[in-house]
């Protein structure tokens, strides 16, 4: 649901569901989406930390790697 809200432009509405989902299941794709929302909300340090922690735990996840490449030069 959080990703749908993000895609509709509701960043604030997307944040809580994605945080809840990631807290229940630290999946790398959820981390990728949550990081994009955090980044878009100006919480870039939080997004980078989330992405890098998730990448250490899931180095082969393509969705996560693509999100990181998209936002971190």
PDB file of N, CA and C in Angstrom:
ATOM      1  N   UNK A   1       0.822  -1.198   0.000  1.00  0.00           N
ATOM      2  CA  UNK A   1       0.000   0.000   0.000  1.00  0.00           C
ATOM      3  C   UNK A   1       0.863   1.258   0.000  1.00  0.00           C
ATOM      4  N   UNK A   2       1.955   1.220   0.768  1.00  0.00           N
ATOM      5  CA  UNK A   2       2.837   2.377   0.839  1.00  0.00           C
ATOM      6  C   UNK A   2       3.423   2.744  -0.514  1.00  0.00           C
ATOM      7  N   UNK A   3       3.783   1.732  -1.294  1.00  0.00           N
ATOM      8  CA  UNK A   3       4.367   2.008  -2.607  1.00  0.00           C
ATOM      9  C   UNK A   3       3.332   2.619  -3.544  1.00  0.00           C
ATOM     10  N   UNK A   4       2.101   2.183  -3.435  1.00  0.00           N
ATOM     11  CA  UNK A   4       1.021   2.752  -4.250  1.00  0.00           C
ATOM     12  C   UNK A   4       0.838   4.233  -3.902  1.00  0.00           C
ATOM     13  N   UNK A   5       0.827   4.538  -2.604  1.00  0.00           N
ATOM     14  CA  UNK A   5       0.696   5.937  -2.185  1.00  0.00           C
ATOM     15  C   UNK A   5       1.864   6.779  -2.688  1.00  0.00           C
ATOM     16  N   UNK A   6       3.066   6.208  -2.641  1.00  0.00           N
ATOM     17  CA  UNK A   6       4.248   6.920  -3.157  1.00  0.00           C
ATOM     18  C   UNK A   6       4.080   7.213  -4.643  1.00  0.00           C
ATOM     19  N   UNK A   7       3.646   6.220  -5.393  1.00  0.00           N
ATOM     20  CA  UNK A   7       3.484   6.394  -6.844  1.00  0.00           C
ATOM     21  C   UNK A   7       2.398   7.419  -7.173  1.00  0.00           C
ATOM     22  N   UNK A   8       1.439   7.597  -6.260  1.00  0.00           N
ATOM     23  CA  UNK A   8       0.395   8.602  -6.441  1.00  0.00           C
ATOM     24  C   UNK A   8       0.840   9.978  -5.972  1.00  0.00           C
ATOM     25  N   UNK A   9       2.058  10.069  -5.423  1.00  0.00           N
ATOM     26  CA  UNK A   9       2.589  11.345  -4.982  1.00  0.00           C
ATOM     27  C   UNK A   9       2.328  11.674  -3.520  1.00  0.00           C
ATOM     28  N   UNK A  10       1.765  10.740  -2.776  1.00  0.00           N
ATOM     29  CA  UNK A  10       1.481  10.956  -1.354  1.00  0.00           C
ATOM     30  C   UNK A  10       2.650  10.438  -0.517  1.00  0.00           C
ATOM     31  N   UNK A  11       3.706  11.244  -0.448  1.00  0.00           N
ATOM     32  CA  UNK A  11       4.916  10.814   0.255  1.00  0.00           C
ATOM     33  C   UNK A  11       4.676  10.582   1.738  1.00  0.00           C
ATOM     34  N   UNK A  12       4.003  11.521   2.381  1.00  0.00           N
ATOM     35  CA  UNK A  12       3.739  11.377   3.812  1.00  0.00           C
ATOM     36  C   UNK A  12       2.859  10.158   4.086  1.00  0.00           C
ATOM     37  N   UNK A  13       1.879   9.943   3.250  1.00  0.00           N
ATOM     38  CA  UNK A  13       0.999   8.795   3.420  1.00  0.00           C
ATOM     39  C   UNK A  13       1.716   7.474   3.192  1.00  0.00           C
ATOM     40  N   UNK A  14       2.721   7.480   2.344  1.00  0.00           N
ATOM     41  CA  UNK A  14       3.469   6.268   2.018  1.00  0.00           C
ATOM     42  C   UNK A  14       4.454   5.874   3.110  1.00  0.00           C
ATOM     43  N   UNK A  15       4.936   6.846   3.846  1.00  0.00           N
ATOM     44  CA  UNK A  15       6.017   6.596   4.802  1.00  0.00           C
ATOM     45  C   UNK A  15       5.642   5.575   5.875  1.00  0.00           C
ATOM     46  N   UNK A  16       4.567   5.790   6.593  1.00  0.00           N
ATOM     47  CA  UNK A  16       4.208   4.901   7.708  1.00  0.00           C
ATOM     48  C   UNK A  16       3.957   3.454   7.270  1.00  0.00           C
ATOM     49  N   UNK A  17       3.195   3.225   6.195  1.00  0.00           N
ATOM     50  CA  UNK A  17       2.986   1.824   5.791  1.00  0.00           C
ATOM     51  C   UNK A  17       4.284   1.121   5.382  1.00  0.00           C
ATOM     52  N   UNK A  18       5.171   1.848   4.726  1.00  0.00           N
ATOM     53  CA  UNK A  18       6.440   1.233   4.331  1.00  0.00           C
ATOM     54  C   UNK A  18       7.325   0.976   5.545  1.00  0.00           C
ATOM     55  N   UNK A  19       7.343   1.886   6.493  1.00  0.00           N
ATOM     56  CA  UNK A  19       8.118   1.667   7.718  1.00  0.00           C
ATOM     57  C   UNK A  19       7.574   0.461   8.481  1.00  0.00           C
ATOM     58  N   UNK A  20       6.254   0.370   8.573  1.00  0.00           N
ATOM     59  CA  UNK A  20       5.617  -0.754   9.260  1.00  0.00           C
ATOM     60  C   UNK A  20       5.957  -2.072   8.553  1.00  0.00           C
ATOM     61  N   UNK A  21       5.846  -2.076   7.242  1.00  0.00           N
ATOM     62  CA  UNK A  21       6.139  -3.287   6.465  1.00  0.00           C
ATOM     63  C   UNK A  21       7.588  -3.711   6.640  1.00  0.00           C
ATOM     64  N   UNK A  22       8.498  -2.747   6.595  1.00  0.00           N
ATOM     65  CA  UNK A  22       9.914  -3.084   6.735  1.00  0.00           C
ATOM     66  C   UNK A  22      10.222  -3.565   8.152  1.00  0.00           C
ATOM     67  N   UNK A  23       9.551  -2.996   9.142  1.00  0.00           N
ATOM     68  CA  UNK A  23       9.733  -3.440  10.517  1.00  0.00           C
ATOM     69  C   UNK A  23       9.266  -4.871  10.731  1.00  0.00           C
ATOM     70  N   UNK A  24       8.210  -5.249  10.031  1.00  0.00           N
ATOM     71  CA  UNK A  24       7.676  -6.610  10.149  1.00  0.00           C
ATOM     72  C   UNK A  24       8.482  -7.600   9.317  1.00  0.00           C
ATOM     73  N   UNK A  25       9.019  -7.112   8.212  1.00  0.00           N
ATOM     74  CA  UNK A  25       9.754  -7.996   7.298  1.00  0.00           C
ATOM     75  C   UNK A  25      10.823  -7.178   6.578  1.00  0.00           C
ATOM     76  N   UNK A  26      12.064  -7.234   7.024  1.00  0.00           N
ATOM     77  CA  UNK A  26      13.123  -6.419   6.413  1.00  0.00           C
ATOM     78  C   UNK A  26      13.568  -6.940   5.043  1.00  0.00           C
ATOM     79  N   UNK A  27      12.661  -6.885   4.129  1.00  0.00           N
ATOM     80  CA  UNK A  27      12.878  -7.340   2.754  1.00  0.00           C
ATOM     81  C   UNK A  27      13.645  -6.269   1.976  1.00  0.00           C
ATOM     82  N   UNK A  28      14.592  -6.637   1.126  1.00  0.00           N
ATOM     83  CA  UNK A  28      15.372  -5.644   0.390  1.00  0.00           C
ATOM     84  C   UNK A  28      14.540  -4.785  -0.564  1.00  0.00           C
ATOM     85  N   UNK A  29      13.474  -5.337  -1.118  1.00  0.00           N
ATOM     86  CA  UNK A  29      12.642  -4.531  -2.014  1.00  0.00           C
ATOM     87  C   UNK A  29      11.836  -3.504  -1.226  1.00  0.00           C
ATOM     88  N   UNK A  30      11.397  -3.872  -0.035  1.00  0.00           N
ATOM     89  CA  UNK A  30      10.723  -2.889   0.817  1.00  0.00           C
ATOM     90  C   UNK A  30      11.725  -1.802   1.200  1.00  0.00           C
ATOM     91  N   UNK A  31      12.952  -2.197   1.504  1.00  0.00           N
ATOM     92  CA  UNK A  31      14.005  -1.219   1.829  1.00  0.00           C
ATOM     93  C   UNK A  31      14.236  -0.272   0.663  1.00  0.00           C
ATOM     94  N   UNK A  32      14.226  -0.799  -0.550  1.00  0.00           N
ATOM     95  CA  UNK A  32      14.424   0.044  -1.731  1.00  0.00           C
ATOM     96  C   UNK A  32      13.326   1.101  -1.818  1.00  0.00           C
ATOM     97  N   UNK A  33      12.087   0.687  -1.644  1.00  0.00           N
ATOM     98  CA  UNK A  33      10.963   1.614  -1.745  1.00  0.00           C
ATOM     99  C   UNK A  33      10.918   2.601  -0.579  1.00  0.00           C
ATOM    100  N   UNK A  34      11.154   2.102   0.619  1.00  0.00           N
ATOM    101  CA  UNK A  34      11.181   2.982   1.784  1.00  0.00           C
ATOM    102  C   UNK A  34      12.292   4.015   1.636  1.00  0.00           C
ATOM    103  N   UNK A  35      13.431   3.593   1.151  1.00  0.00           N
ATOM    104  CA  UNK A  35      14.531   4.527   0.924  1.00  0.00           C
ATOM    105  C   UNK A  35      14.173   5.607  -0.085  1.00  0.00           C
ATOM    106  N   UNK A  36      13.457   5.235  -1.126  1.00  0.00           N
ATOM    107  CA  UNK A  36      13.038   6.226  -2.118  1.00  0.00           C
ATOM    108  C   UNK A  36      12.108   7.263  -1.500  1.00  0.00           C
ATOM    109  N   UNK A  37      11.201   6.810  -0.639  1.00  0.00           N
ATOM    110  CA  UNK A  37      10.294   7.739   0.032  1.00  0.00           C
ATOM    111  C   UNK A  37      11.079   8.650   0.964  1.00  0.00           C
ATOM    112  N   UNK A  38      11.972   8.069   1.766  1.00  0.00           N
ATOM    113  CA  UNK A  38      12.782   8.877   2.673  1.00  0.00           C
ATOM    114  C   UNK A  38      13.589   9.916   1.895  1.00  0.00           C
ATOM    115  N   UNK A  39      14.215   9.487   0.825  1.00  0.00           N
ATOM    116  CA  UNK A  39      15.020  10.380  -0.012  1.00  0.00           C
ATOM    117  C   UNK A  39      14.164  11.529  -0.543  1.00  0.00           C
ATOM    118  N   UNK A  40      12.995  11.184  -1.044  1.00  0.00           N
ATOM    119  CA  UNK A  40      12.096  12.184  -1.618  1.00  0.00           C
ATOM    120  C   UNK A  40      11.571  13.168  -0.571  1.00  0.00           C
ATOM    121  N   UNK A  41      11.520  12.736   0.681  1.00  0.00           N
ATOM    122  CA  UNK A  41      11.100  13.603   1.773  1.00  0.00           C
ATOM    123  C   UNK A  41      12.256  14.435   2.336  1.00  0.00           C
ATOM    124  N   UNK A  42      13.428  14.301   1.730  1.00  0.00           N
ATOM    125  CA  UNK A  42      14.592  15.066   2.177  1.00  0.00           C
ATOM    126  C   UNK A  42      15.370  14.403   3.294  1.00  0.00           C
ATOM    127  N   UNK A  43      15.032  13.173   3.630  1.00  0.00           N
ATOM    128  CA  UNK A  43      15.722  12.434   4.694  1.00  0.00           C
ATOM    129  C   UNK A  43      16.789  11.547   4.065  1.00  0.00           C
ATOM    130  N   UNK A  44      17.728  12.210   3.425  1.00  0.00           N
ATOM    131  CA  UNK A  44      18.713  11.488   2.614  1.00  0.00           C
ATOM    132  C   UNK A  44      19.673  10.654   3.438  1.00  0.00           C
ATOM    133  N   UNK A  45      20.072  11.137   4.600  1.00  0.00           N
ATOM    134  CA  UNK A  45      20.960  10.338   5.450  1.00  0.00           C
ATOM    135  C   UNK A  45      20.269   9.053   5.893  1.00  0.00           C
ATOM    136  N   UNK A  46      18.994   9.160   6.251  1.00  0.00           N
ATOM    137  CA  UNK A  46      18.230   7.978   6.658  1.00  0.00           C
ATOM    138  C   UNK A  46      18.092   6.998   5.497  1.00  0.00           C
ATOM    139  N   UNK A  47      17.836   7.525   4.315  1.00  0.00           N
ATOM    140  CA  UNK A  47      17.698   6.671   3.133  1.00  0.00           C
ATOM    141  C   UNK A  47      19.006   5.947   2.831  1.00  0.00           C
ATOM    142  N   UNK A  48      20.103   6.675   2.854  1.00  0.00           N
ATOM    143  CA  UNK A  48      21.401   6.052   2.568  1.00  0.00           C
ATOM    144  C   UNK A  48      21.735   4.968   3.576  1.00  0.00           C
ATOM    145  N   UNK A  49      21.512   5.240   4.855  1.00  0.00           N
ATOM    146  CA  UNK A  49      21.804   4.241   5.877  1.00  0.00           C
ATOM    147  C   UNK A  49      20.956   2.995   5.664  1.00  0.00           C
ATOM    148  N   UNK A  50      19.663   3.186   5.415  1.00  0.00           N
ATOM    149  CA  UNK A  50      18.770   2.057   5.171  1.00  0.00           C
ATOM    150  C   UNK A  50      19.241   1.239   3.975  1.00  0.00           C
ATOM    151  N   UNK A  51      19.517   1.912   2.873  1.00  0.00           N
ATOM    152  CA  UNK A  51      19.952   1.209   1.665  1.00  0.00           C
ATOM    153  C   UNK A  51      21.257   0.452   1.884  1.00  0.00           C
ATOM    154  N   UNK A  52      22.223   1.104   2.506  1.00  0.00           N
ATOM    155  CA  UNK A  52      23.525   0.456   2.683  1.00  0.00           C
ATOM    156  C   UNK A  52      23.435  -0.723   3.639  1.00  0.00           C
ATOM    157  N   UNK A  53      22.659  -0.594   4.704  1.00  0.00           N
ATOM    158  CA  UNK A  53      22.461  -1.726   5.620  1.00  0.00           C
ATOM    159  C   UNK A  53      21.771  -2.879   4.897  1.00  0.00           C
ATOM    160  N   UNK A  54      20.735  -2.563   4.129  1.00  0.00           N
ATOM    161  CA  UNK A  54      20.018  -3.602   3.390  1.00  0.00           C
ATOM    162  C   UNK A  54      20.906  -4.236   2.325  1.00  0.00           C
ATOM    163  N   UNK A  55      21.765  -3.446   1.701  1.00  0.00           N
ATOM    164  CA  UNK A  55      22.659  -3.977   0.661  1.00  0.00           C
ATOM    165  C   UNK A  55      23.704  -4.910   1.265  1.00  0.00           C
ATOM    166  N   UNK A  56      24.170  -4.592   2.467  1.00  0.00           N
ATOM    167  CA  UNK A  56      25.122  -5.497   3.133  1.00  0.00           C
ATOM    168  C   UNK A  56      24.467  -6.853   3.394  1.00  0.00           C
ATOM    169  N   UNK A  57      23.207  -6.842   3.792  1.00  0.00           N
ATOM    170  CA  UNK A  57      22.500  -8.079   4.094  1.00  0.00           C
ATOM    171  C   UNK A  57      22.003  -8.800   2.836  1.00  0.00           C
ATOM    172  N   UNK A  58      21.840  -8.055   1.738  1.00  0.00           N
ATOM    173  CA  UNK A  58      21.273  -8.613   0.496  1.00  0.00           C
ATOM    174  C   UNK A  58      22.052  -8.100  -0.707  1.00  0.00           C
ATOM    175  N   UNK A  59      23.327  -8.460  -0.815  1.00  0.00           N
ATOM    176  CA  UNK A  59      24.169  -7.863  -1.861  1.00  0.00           C
ATOM    177  C   UNK A  59      23.762  -8.194  -3.294  1.00  0.00           C
ATOM    178  N   UNK A  60      22.968  -9.208  -3.491  1.00  0.00           N
ATOM    179  CA  UNK A  60      22.604  -9.610  -4.851  1.00  0.00           C
ATOM    180  C   UNK A  60      21.236  -9.107  -5.294  1.00  0.00           C
ATOM    181  N   UNK A  61      20.547  -8.332  -4.459  1.00  0.00           N
ATOM    182  CA  UNK A  61      19.196  -7.912  -4.818  1.00  0.00           C
ATOM    183  C   UNK A  61      19.237  -6.785  -5.848  1.00  0.00           C
ATOM    184  N   UNK A  62      18.694  -7.054  -7.009  1.00  0.00           N
ATOM    185  CA  UNK A  62      18.749  -6.118  -8.136  1.00  0.00           C
ATOM    186  C   UNK A  62      17.884  -4.873  -7.926  1.00  0.00           C
ATOM    187  N   UNK A  63      16.693  -5.038  -7.347  1.00  0.00           N
ATOM    188  CA  UNK A  63      15.807  -3.892  -7.114  1.00  0.00           C
ATOM    189  C   UNK A  63      16.477  -2.900  -6.171  1.00  0.00           C
ATOM    190  N   UNK A  64      17.066  -3.411  -5.110  1.00  0.00           N
ATOM    191  CA  UNK A  64      17.764  -2.562  -4.149  1.00  0.00           C
ATOM    192  C   UNK A  64      18.970  -1.884  -4.798  1.00  0.00           C
ATOM    193  N   UNK A  65      19.745  -2.643  -5.542  1.00  0.00           N
ATOM    194  CA  UNK A  65      20.922  -2.084  -6.217  1.00  0.00           C
ATOM    195  C   UNK A  65      20.516  -0.969  -7.190  1.00  0.00           C
ATOM    196  N   UNK A  66      19.427  -1.166  -7.905  1.00  0.00           N
ATOM    197  CA  UNK A  66      18.973  -0.147  -8.852  1.00  0.00           C
ATOM    198  C   UNK A  66      18.510   1.120  -8.142  1.00  0.00           C
ATOM    199  N   UNK A  67      17.845   0.969  -7.008  1.00  0.00           N
ATOM    200  CA  UNK A  67      17.401   2.147  -6.239  1.00  0.00           C
ATOM    201  C   UNK A  67      18.615   2.930  -5.758  1.00  0.00           C
ATOM    202  N   UNK A  68      19.610   2.218  -5.270  1.00  0.00           N
ATOM    203  CA  UNK A  68      20.823   2.893  -4.789  1.00  0.00           C
ATOM    204  C   UNK A  68      21.507   3.637  -5.935  1.00  0.00           C
ATOM    205  N   UNK A  69      21.650   2.995  -7.071  1.00  0.00           N
ATOM    206  CA  UNK A  69      22.291   3.634  -8.226  1.00  0.00           C
ATOM    207  C   UNK A  69      21.515   4.848  -8.710  1.00  0.00           C
ATOM    208  N   UNK A  70      20.211   4.788  -8.602  1.00  0.00           N
ATOM    209  CA  UNK A  70      19.354   5.882  -9.064  1.00  0.00           C
ATOM    210  C   UNK A  70      19.550   7.145  -8.223  1.00  0.00           C
ATOM    211  N   UNK A  71      19.772   6.980  -6.926  1.00  0.00           N
ATOM    212  CA  UNK A  71      19.803   8.123  -6.038  1.00  0.00           C
ATOM    213  C   UNK A  71      21.184   8.506  -5.528  1.00  0.00           C
ATOM    214  N   UNK A  72      22.086   7.546  -5.405  1.00  0.00           N
ATOM    215  CA  UNK A  72      23.418   7.851  -4.889  1.00  0.00           C
ATOM    216  C   UNK A  72      24.395   7.805  -6.058  1.00  0.00           C
ATOM    217  N   UNK A  73      25.024   8.938  -6.337  1.00  0.00           N
ATOM    218  CA  UNK A  73      25.958   8.970  -7.486  1.00  0.00           C
ATOM    219  C   UNK A  73      27.189   8.113  -7.276  1.00  0.00           C
TER     220      UNK A  73
END
